[in-house]
Amino acid sequence: MKILISHPSGNSNVRAIAKGFLTQGLLYQFHTSIAVFPNNFWHKIAKLKGLGDIKRRSFDSGLQSYTEVYPIKELGRMLASKLSLSSLTKSETGFFCVDRIYQNLDRKIAGKLKSAKKNGLTAVYAYEDGALETFIAAKELGLECIYDLPIAYHTLLQELLHEEALRKPKWAFTLGGGINDSPQKLERKRKELELADTIVVASDFVRQSLPDWANKKKIIQSPFGTPFSANQFDVEEKKSNKRLRILFVGSMTQRKGLSDLFDAIKLVDSSKVELVVLGSLAAPLSFYIDQVNFTYEPTRSHDQVLELMRTCDVFCLPSIVEGRALVIQEAMSQGLPIIITANTGAEDLVVIGETGFLVPIRNPQAIAEKINWFVDHRNEIFQMGKKAKQLADTYSWDNYADKICNVLSS
């Protein structure tokens, strides 16, 4: 089997599977928008003032000879974002919107498949919103179509988000583009899934969100790896004479359940608990501060996020809908027990009372009860943090990729 994989930005899971395909001799090509390799053009460009963000597009050097890039639209999106030209990046309609970047890459690849098949290509691996044209062309050529679904399927996602808009109207505008997806975009998602031969998911939550007809396809479920930190450390016991620091990390939206966490904080003793929120704002900071007292931490580098995590006691993410929230494993890797919902896609990370607790979605009372449990059991947090780190460390990106590769090869 020889696989062409495509993704416009190359997230951690994309990097892992591309490297896995390379290691196991399955990689035909990797297509993306921008790819930084040692001493290549993009590596040099990233050194220029204001272009440091490009460094985030760094990939394993072994992928360089397999990689093709399509940078123009992505550079336009990055520039428009820096200049706050929101009309150019508006979902679905902006000239440099993410949707158009996905679709541009999709079309480019579709046009290359005929010649690629003559050179040994047997399968394509694409992601939600960027697979339709690739899959249509692949089907005509008899190529296998592998579809990676990174978040709950759109029917469940739409249902949950629309319910949130009614339940929390004040927070409805924070729910993001997903709730406003056009019928055309939703139909595109349906067609992509319909054309897929194999579906790849990272959590049981995403798998269960699939429609019944899709469950008849081959499904590979492989959990994400825990992000590696160069600053390895041993979990240390924290002083219990200070307020319990509850940490939330993520976009400050109701899709992440932040309003429910705010409501939970109102139910606990503020003299014993401090809420720390790190994330990108979906509204002016005053919108959040007017609702509850908390410590705001702006976004920062990955290592600085991990450093902040180590100053906190418990991680809480009461998300309404996710795929698999990688930040949970990051927090656990820094010695934090967790309070999460099953809808984070990380239910397997909870060993009740040992690594943390599960709470229902939309239940501030349940969140408050678990926070109070940690307040009353400060002496148990250290051991729970150690167990959380030990469990998180068993999830590796190599294992994530190996499972997918092995099933595809069998």
Protein backbone atom coordinates (compact mmCIF):
# COMPACT_ATOMS: atom_id res chain seq x y z
CA MET A 1 0.00 0.00 0.00
CA LYS A 2 1.19 3.51 -0.88
CA ILE A 3 -0.74 6.42 0.65
CA LEU A 4 -0.98 10.11 -0.22
CA ILE A 5 -1.90 12.13 2.88
CA SER A 6 -3.07 15.75 2.85
CA HIS A 7 -3.84 18.41 5.44
CA PRO A 8 -3.44 22.20 5.11
CA SER A 9 -1.83 22.90 8.48
CA GLY A 10 -0.41 19.65 9.82
CA ASN A 11 -1.53 19.26 13.43
CA SER A 12 0.20 16.92 15.87
CA ASN A 13 -1.90 13.95 14.79
CA VAL A 14 -1.16 14.69 11.12
CA ARG A 15 2.56 14.83 11.84
CA ALA A 16 2.38 11.55 13.69
CA ILE A 17 0.56 9.61 10.99
CA ALA A 18 2.68 11.06 8.17
CA LYS A 19 5.81 10.01 10.03
CA GLY A 20 4.23 6.62 10.77
CA PHE A 21 3.48 6.05 7.08
CA LEU A 22 7.08 7.00 6.29
CA THR A 23 8.55 4.68 8.92
CA GLN A 24 6.46 1.72 7.78
CA GLY A 25 7.09 2.28 4.09
CA LEU A 26 3.49 3.29 3.34
CA LEU A 27 4.02 6.95 2.40
CA TYR A 28 3.63 8.00 -1.22
CA GLN A 29 3.46 11.77 -0.65
CA PHE A 30 2.48 14.36 1.95
CA HIS A 31 0.67 17.51 0.75
CA THR A 32 0.18 20.61 2.90
CA SER A 33 0.20 24.41 2.74
CA ILE A 34 3.54 25.25 4.34
CA ALA A 35 6.24 22.88 5.57
CA VAL A 36 9.36 23.91 7.46
CA PHE A 37 12.41 21.66 7.21
CA PRO A 38 16.00 22.40 8.30
CA ASN A 39 17.47 25.14 6.09
CA ASN A 40 14.67 25.11 3.51
CA PHE A 41 13.03 28.30 2.20
CA TRP A 42 10.32 28.32 4.87
CA HIS A 43 12.88 27.77 7.62
CA LYS A 44 14.67 30.93 6.50
CA ILE A 45 11.43 32.90 6.08
CA ALA A 46 10.37 31.96 9.62
CA LYS A 47 13.38 33.87 10.98
CA LEU A 48 12.04 37.17 9.65
CA LYS A 49 10.31 39.56 12.03
CA GLY A 50 6.61 38.87 12.34
CA LEU A 51 6.79 35.47 10.63
CA GLY A 52 7.80 33.36 13.61
CA ASP A 53 4.45 31.55 13.55
CA ILE A 54 5.62 29.70 10.45
CA LYS A 55 7.97 27.67 12.68
CA ARG A 56 4.90 25.83 13.93
CA ARG A 57 4.75 24.16 10.51
CA SER A 58 7.93 22.17 11.18
CA PHE A 59 7.92 18.51 10.20
CA ASP A 60 10.19 15.50 10.59
CA SER A 61 13.14 15.95 8.21
CA GLY A 62 12.54 12.49 6.74
CA LEU A 63 9.33 13.81 5.16
CA GLN A 64 11.05 16.54 3.14
CA SER A 65 11.52 14.62 -0.12
CA TYR A 66 7.89 13.39 0.06
CA THR A 67 6.31 16.80 0.68
CA GLU A 68 4.55 19.17 -1.71
CA VAL A 69 3.32 22.59 -0.55
CA TYR A 70 0.62 25.04 -1.68
CA PRO A 71 1.37 28.18 0.35
CA ILE A 72 -0.35 31.14 -1.32
CA LYS A 73 -3.81 31.00 0.25
CA GLU A 74 -2.47 30.03 3.67
CA LEU A 75 -0.04 32.95 3.64
CA GLY A 76 -2.97 35.19 2.73
CA ARG A 77 -4.97 33.84 5.65
CA MET A 78 -2.08 34.36 8.07
CA LEU A 79 -1.52 37.93 6.86
CA ALA A 80 -5.24 38.78 6.96
CA SER A 81 -5.43 37.45 10.53
CA LYS A 82 -2.45 39.55 11.62
CA LEU A 83 -4.01 42.65 10.06
CA SER A 84 -7.41 41.86 11.61
CA LEU A 85 -9.06 41.78 8.18
CA SER A 86 -11.84 39.53 9.41
CA SER A 87 -13.91 39.81 6.23
CA LEU A 88 -11.14 37.97 4.37
CA THR A 89 -11.11 35.07 6.83
CA LYS A 90 -14.83 34.83 7.58
CA SER A 91 -16.00 31.22 7.60
CA GLU A 92 -17.04 29.94 4.15
CA THR A 93 -17.20 33.37 2.47
CA GLY A 94 -13.83 35.05 3.11
CA PHE A 95 -11.33 34.89 0.24
CA PHE A 96 -8.72 33.46 2.63
CA CYS A 97 -11.07 31.53 4.92
CA VAL A 98 -10.04 28.12 6.24
CA ASP A 99 -12.76 26.45 4.15
CA ARG A 100 -11.26 27.73 0.91
CA ILE A 101 -7.78 26.66 1.95
CA TYR A 102 -9.01 23.13 2.61
CA GLN A 103 -10.94 23.04 -0.67
CA ASN A 104 -8.05 24.47 -2.70
CA LEU A 105 -5.72 21.75 -1.43
CA ASP A 106 -8.44 19.16 -2.04
CA ARG A 107 -8.82 20.21 -5.70
CA LYS A 108 -5.07 20.33 -6.30
CA ILE A 109 -4.63 16.77 -5.06
CA ALA A 110 -7.62 15.46 -7.01
CA GLY A 111 -5.93 16.67 -10.19
CA LYS A 112 -2.74 14.76 -9.42
CA LEU A 113 -4.16 11.33 -8.64
CA LYS A 114 -4.28 9.93 -12.17
CA SER A 115 -0.54 10.31 -12.72
CA ALA A 116 0.17 9.29 -9.11
CA LYS A 117 -1.64 6.00 -9.60
CA LYS A 118 0.65 5.21 -12.54
CA ASN A 119 3.57 5.68 -10.14
CA GLY A 120 2.24 3.28 -7.52
CA LEU A 121 -0.31 5.22 -5.44
CA THR A 122 -2.99 2.93 -3.97
CA ALA A 123 -4.78 5.04 -1.32
CA VAL A 124 -5.54 8.60 -0.22
CA TYR A 125 -5.82 9.79 3.40
CA ALA A 126 -7.73 13.04 3.92
CA TYR A 127 -9.45 14.98 6.69
CA GLU A 128 -12.95 16.35 7.24
CA ASP A 129 -13.75 19.34 4.99
CA GLY A 130 -10.78 18.61 2.73
CA ALA A 131 -11.58 15.23 1.21
CA LEU A 132 -14.49 15.49 -1.23
CA GLU A 133 -12.75 16.19 -4.56
CA THR A 134 -9.89 13.88 -3.63
CA PHE A 135 -12.28 11.04 -2.86
CA ILE A 136 -14.37 11.55 -6.01
CA ALA A 137 -11.23 11.36 -8.16
CA ALA A 138 -9.87 8.44 -6.13
CA LYS A 139 -13.07 6.43 -6.55
CA GLU A 140 -12.91 6.84 -10.33
CA LEU A 141 -9.37 5.44 -10.23
CA GLY A 142 -10.10 2.58 -7.85
CA LEU A 143 -8.01 4.03 -5.01
CA GLU A 144 -8.87 3.39 -1.37
CA CYS A 145 -10.30 6.40 0.50
CA ILE A 146 -9.30 6.84 4.16
CA TYR A 147 -11.17 9.55 6.08
CA ASP A 148 -9.92 11.05 9.32
CA LEU A 149 -12.74 12.55 11.40
CA PRO A 150 -11.16 14.74 14.12
CA ILE A 151 -14.36 15.81 15.92
CA ALA A 152 -17.86 14.44 16.46
CA TYR A 153 -19.82 13.96 13.23
CA HIS A 154 -21.71 17.08 12.25
CA THR A 155 -25.23 15.84 13.04
CA LEU A 156 -24.43 15.36 16.73
CA LEU A 157 -22.23 18.45 16.82
CA GLN A 158 -25.00 20.60 15.37
CA GLU A 159 -27.58 19.12 17.74
CA LEU A 160 -25.46 19.81 20.82
CA LEU A 161 -24.46 23.32 19.77
CA HIS A 162 -27.99 24.39 18.90
CA GLU A 163 -29.16 23.10 22.28
CA GLU A 164 -26.42 25.20 23.90
CA ALA A 165 -27.53 28.31 22.03
CA LEU A 166 -30.99 27.88 23.56
CA ARG A 167 -29.72 26.91 27.01
CA LYS A 168 -27.06 29.63 27.21
CA PRO A 169 -28.21 32.44 24.86
CA LYS A 170 -25.75 34.88 26.40
CA TRP A 171 -22.93 32.58 25.29
CA ALA A 172 -24.38 31.58 21.91
CA PHE A 173 -22.06 33.86 19.94
CA THR A 174 -19.03 32.03 21.39
CA LEU A 175 -20.06 28.69 19.90
CA GLY A 176 -18.11 29.40 16.73
CA GLY A 177 -18.56 28.65 13.05
CA GLY A 178 -19.80 25.10 13.54
CA ILE A 179 -23.26 26.20 14.59
CA ASN A 180 -23.58 28.40 11.49
CA ASP A 181 -22.30 25.93 8.89
CA SER A 182 -24.23 26.27 5.65
CA PRO A 183 -26.34 23.41 4.24
CA GLN A 184 -23.76 23.15 1.45
CA LYS A 185 -20.92 22.63 3.92
CA LEU A 186 -22.88 20.02 5.86
CA GLU A 187 -23.75 18.20 2.64
CA ARG A 188 -20.06 18.19 1.75
CA LYS A 189 -19.28 16.51 5.06
CA ARG A 190 -21.96 13.89 4.41
CA LYS A 191 -20.61 13.12 0.94
CA GLU A 192 -17.06 12.82 2.26
CA LEU A 193 -18.12 10.27 4.84
CA GLU A 194 -20.24 8.42 2.29
CA LEU A 195 -17.27 8.05 -0.09
CA ALA A 196 -14.87 6.86 2.63
CA ASP A 197 -13.83 3.20 2.68
CA THR A 198 -12.15 3.51 6.08
CA ILE A 199 -12.84 6.00 8.88
CA VAL A 200 -10.20 6.97 11.45
CA VAL A 201 -11.29 8.37 14.83
CA ALA A 202 -9.39 9.17 18.02
CA SER A 203 -12.12 8.52 20.58
CA ASP A 204 -15.17 6.46 21.40
CA PHE A 205 -17.20 9.67 21.54
CA VAL A 206 -16.48 10.42 17.88
CA ARG A 207 -17.11 6.81 16.91
CA GLN A 208 -20.51 6.81 18.60
CA SER A 209 -21.44 10.04 16.81
CA LEU A 210 -21.30 8.33 13.41
CA PRO A 211 -24.62 7.59 11.67
CA ASP A 212 -25.67 3.95 11.58
CA TRP A 213 -24.88 3.57 7.89
CA ALA A 214 -21.29 4.70 8.43
CA ASN A 215 -20.73 2.12 11.16
CA LYS A 216 -20.81 -0.56 8.46
CA LYS A 217 -17.50 0.77 7.11
CA LYS A 218 -14.07 -0.18 8.43
CA ILE A 219 -13.38 2.01 11.48
CA ILE A 220 -9.98 2.48 13.11
CA GLN A 221 -10.03 3.97 16.61
CA SER A 222 -6.64 5.12 17.87
CA PRO A 223 -6.18 7.63 20.73
CA PHE A 224 -3.81 10.56 20.35
CA GLY A 225 -0.36 10.49 21.89
CA THR A 226 0.58 12.65 24.84
CA PRO A 227 2.63 15.66 23.67
CA PHE A 228 6.30 15.32 24.49
CA SER A 229 7.95 17.98 26.60
CA ALA A 230 11.69 18.55 26.60
CA ASN A 231 11.34 19.54 30.26
CA GLN A 232 10.76 16.15 31.86
CA PHE A 233 10.05 16.28 35.59
CA ASP A 234 8.84 14.35 38.60
CA VAL A 235 5.47 15.29 40.08
CA GLU A 236 6.02 17.32 43.24
CA GLU A 237 3.69 17.69 46.19
CA LYS A 238 2.25 21.20 46.43
CA LYS A 239 1.55 23.17 49.58
CA SER A 240 -2.01 22.70 50.79
CA ASN A 241 -2.23 25.94 52.75
CA LYS A 242 -3.06 27.93 49.60
CA ARG A 243 -6.25 28.07 47.58
CA LEU A 244 -6.91 25.09 45.33
CA ARG A 245 -6.01 26.17 41.80
CA ILE A 246 -8.46 24.83 39.20
CA LEU A 247 -7.13 25.20 35.65
CA PHE A 248 -9.07 25.53 32.39
CA VAL A 249 -7.13 25.64 29.10
CA GLY A 250 -8.84 26.12 25.75
CA SER A 251 -10.77 28.56 23.62
CA MET A 252 -13.01 30.53 25.96
CA THR A 253 -16.28 29.31 24.50
CA GLN A 254 -19.36 27.40 25.56
CA ARG A 255 -18.40 24.52 23.26
CA LYS A 256 -15.72 23.96 25.90
CA GLY A 257 -18.32 24.29 28.69
CA LEU A 258 -16.73 27.39 30.18
CA SER A 259 -20.05 28.89 31.29
CA ASP A 260 -20.79 25.71 33.24
CA LEU A 261 -17.41 25.94 34.94
CA PHE A 262 -18.10 29.58 35.81
CA ASP A 263 -21.44 28.56 37.32
CA ALA A 264 -19.70 25.81 39.29
CA ILE A 265 -17.16 28.25 40.71
CA LYS A 266 -20.05 30.36 42.05
CA LEU A 267 -21.13 27.32 44.09
CA VAL A 268 -17.81 26.79 45.89
CA ASP A 269 -16.00 28.75 48.59
CA SER A 270 -13.87 31.38 46.81
CA SER A 271 -11.60 31.60 49.85
CA LYS A 272 -10.57 28.00 49.17
CA VAL A 273 -10.64 27.85 45.35
CA GLU A 274 -9.01 29.90 42.59
CA LEU A 275 -10.03 29.45 38.95
CA VAL A 276 -7.24 29.95 36.40
CA VAL A 277 -8.27 30.30 32.74
CA LEU A 278 -5.78 30.19 29.89
CA GLY A 279 -7.08 30.56 26.37
CA SER A 280 -8.00 32.65 23.38
CA LEU A 281 -10.81 35.12 23.93
CA ALA A 282 -14.05 34.73 21.99
CA ALA A 283 -15.32 38.02 23.47
CA PRO A 284 -13.83 41.06 25.22
CA LEU A 285 -12.26 40.07 28.54
CA SER A 286 -14.89 42.14 30.34
CA PHE A 287 -17.59 39.69 29.14
CA TYR A 288 -15.99 36.96 31.23
CA ILE A 289 -14.86 39.03 34.21
CA ASP A 290 -18.39 40.35 34.71
CA GLN A 291 -19.59 36.80 35.37
CA VAL A 292 -17.15 35.35 37.88
CA ASN A 293 -13.86 36.09 39.59
CA PHE A 294 -10.93 34.26 37.97
CA THR A 295 -7.30 34.67 36.99
CA TYR A 296 -6.85 35.15 33.25
CA GLU A 297 -3.70 33.89 31.55
CA PRO A 298 -3.21 34.82 27.87
CA THR A 299 -2.07 32.30 25.26
CA ARG A 300 1.64 31.47 25.19
CA SER A 301 4.20 28.95 23.93
CA HIS A 302 3.63 25.25 24.57
CA ASP A 303 6.42 24.98 27.14
CA GLN A 304 5.04 28.02 28.98
CA VAL A 305 1.59 26.40 29.05
CA LEU A 306 3.11 23.30 30.63
CA GLU A 307 4.93 25.49 33.14
CA LEU A 308 1.65 27.13 34.17
CA MET A 309 -0.01 23.73 34.47
CA ARG A 310 2.58 22.70 37.06
CA THR A 311 1.54 25.64 39.26
CA CYS A 312 -2.07 24.40 39.41
CA ASP A 313 -3.71 21.54 41.30
CA VAL A 314 -6.57 20.18 39.17
CA PHE A 315 -7.50 20.46 35.49
CA CYS A 316 -11.15 20.91 34.48
CA LEU A 317 -12.62 20.73 30.98
CA PRO A 318 -16.43 20.30 30.93
CA SER A 319 -16.73 20.36 27.13
CA ILE A 320 -20.02 19.96 25.30
CA VAL A 321 -18.47 18.51 22.14
CA GLU A 322 -14.93 17.63 21.07
CA GLY A 323 -13.05 15.00 19.13
CA ARG A 324 -10.35 14.16 21.61
CA ALA A 325 -9.15 17.10 23.70
CA LEU A 326 -5.38 16.71 23.63
CA VAL A 327 -4.95 19.36 26.32
CA ILE A 328 -6.24 16.85 28.90
CA GLN A 329 -3.26 14.58 28.30
CA GLU A 330 -0.98 17.62 28.47
CA ALA A 331 -2.37 18.53 31.90
CA MET A 332 -2.08 14.96 33.14
CA SER A 333 1.51 14.80 31.90
CA GLN A 334 2.23 17.72 34.25
CA GLY A 335 0.80 15.89 37.25
CA LEU A 336 -2.76 17.24 37.34
CA PRO A 337 -5.77 15.04 38.12
CA ILE A 338 -8.77 15.88 35.96
CA ILE A 339 -12.48 16.74 36.00
CA ILE A 340 -13.88 16.21 32.51
CA THR A 341 -16.99 15.20 30.58
CA ALA A 342 -17.18 12.11 28.38
CA ASN A 343 -17.81 14.49 25.47
CA THR A 344 -14.17 15.56 25.59
CA GLY A 345 -13.43 12.23 23.91
CA ALA A 346 -11.09 11.31 26.75
CA GLU A 347 -13.25 9.11 28.96
CA ASP A 348 -10.54 6.42 28.87
CA LEU A 349 -8.21 8.75 30.79
CA VAL A 350 -10.43 8.75 33.87
CA VAL A 351 -9.86 6.11 36.49
CA ILE A 352 -12.49 7.26 38.97
CA GLY A 353 -10.93 8.56 42.17
CA GLU A 354 -7.41 7.74 40.94
CA THR A 355 -6.71 10.02 37.97
CA GLY A 356 -9.82 12.18 38.33
CA PHE A 357 -13.56 12.25 37.77
CA LEU A 358 -16.15 12.26 34.99
CA VAL A 359 -19.05 14.70 35.21
CA PRO A 360 -22.14 14.98 32.99
CA ILE A 361 -22.29 17.78 30.44
CA ARG A 362 -24.29 20.87 31.43
CA ASN A 363 -24.03 20.14 35.15
CA PRO A 364 -22.35 22.90 37.19
CA GLN A 365 -23.52 21.24 40.42
CA ALA A 366 -21.60 18.05 39.58
CA ILE A 367 -18.48 20.06 38.73
CA ALA A 368 -18.75 21.96 42.02
CA GLU A 369 -19.12 18.69 43.93
CA LYS A 370 -15.88 17.34 42.44
CA ILE A 371 -14.05 20.59 43.09
CA ASN A 372 -15.19 20.44 46.72
CA TRP A 373 -14.03 16.82 46.86
CA PHE A 374 -10.53 17.96 45.95
CA VAL A 375 -10.75 20.78 48.53
CA ASP A 376 -11.62 18.19 51.19
CA HIS A 377 -8.99 15.68 50.01
CA ARG A 378 -5.94 17.87 49.38
CA ASN A 379 -3.74 15.10 50.75
CA GLU A 380 -4.78 12.78 47.89
CA ILE A 381 -4.03 15.15 45.02
CA PHE A 382 -0.31 14.38 44.91
CA GLN A 383 -0.80 10.63 44.41
CA MET A 384 -3.63 11.22 41.95
CA GLY A 385 -1.37 13.55 39.98
CA LYS A 386 1.34 10.90 39.83
CA LYS A 387 -1.16 8.32 38.58
CA ALA A 388 -2.50 10.80 36.03
CA LYS A 389 1.01 11.40 34.69
CA GLN A 390 1.76 7.68 34.57
CA LEU A 391 -1.41 7.00 32.59
CA ALA A 392 -0.85 9.90 30.19
CA ASP A 393 2.70 8.72 29.54
CA THR A 394 1.38 5.38 28.23
CA TYR A 395 -0.20 7.18 25.25
CA SER A 396 2.43 7.83 22.58
CA TRP A 397 2.28 9.22 19.06
CA ASP A 398 4.18 6.17 17.84
CA ASN A 399 1.43 3.92 19.20
CA TYR A 400 -1.22 6.16 17.64
CA ALA A 401 0.38 5.86 14.20
CA ASP A 402 1.33 2.19 14.55
CA LYS A 403 -2.25 1.12 15.22
CA ILE A 404 -3.54 2.96 12.15
CA CYS A 405 -0.71 1.68 9.95
CA ASN A 406 -1.11 -1.90 11.12
CA VAL A 407 -4.85 -2.00 10.44
CA LEU A 408 -4.45 -0.39 7.02
CA SER A 409 -1.69 -2.84 6.11
CA SER A 410 -3.59 -5.94 7.25
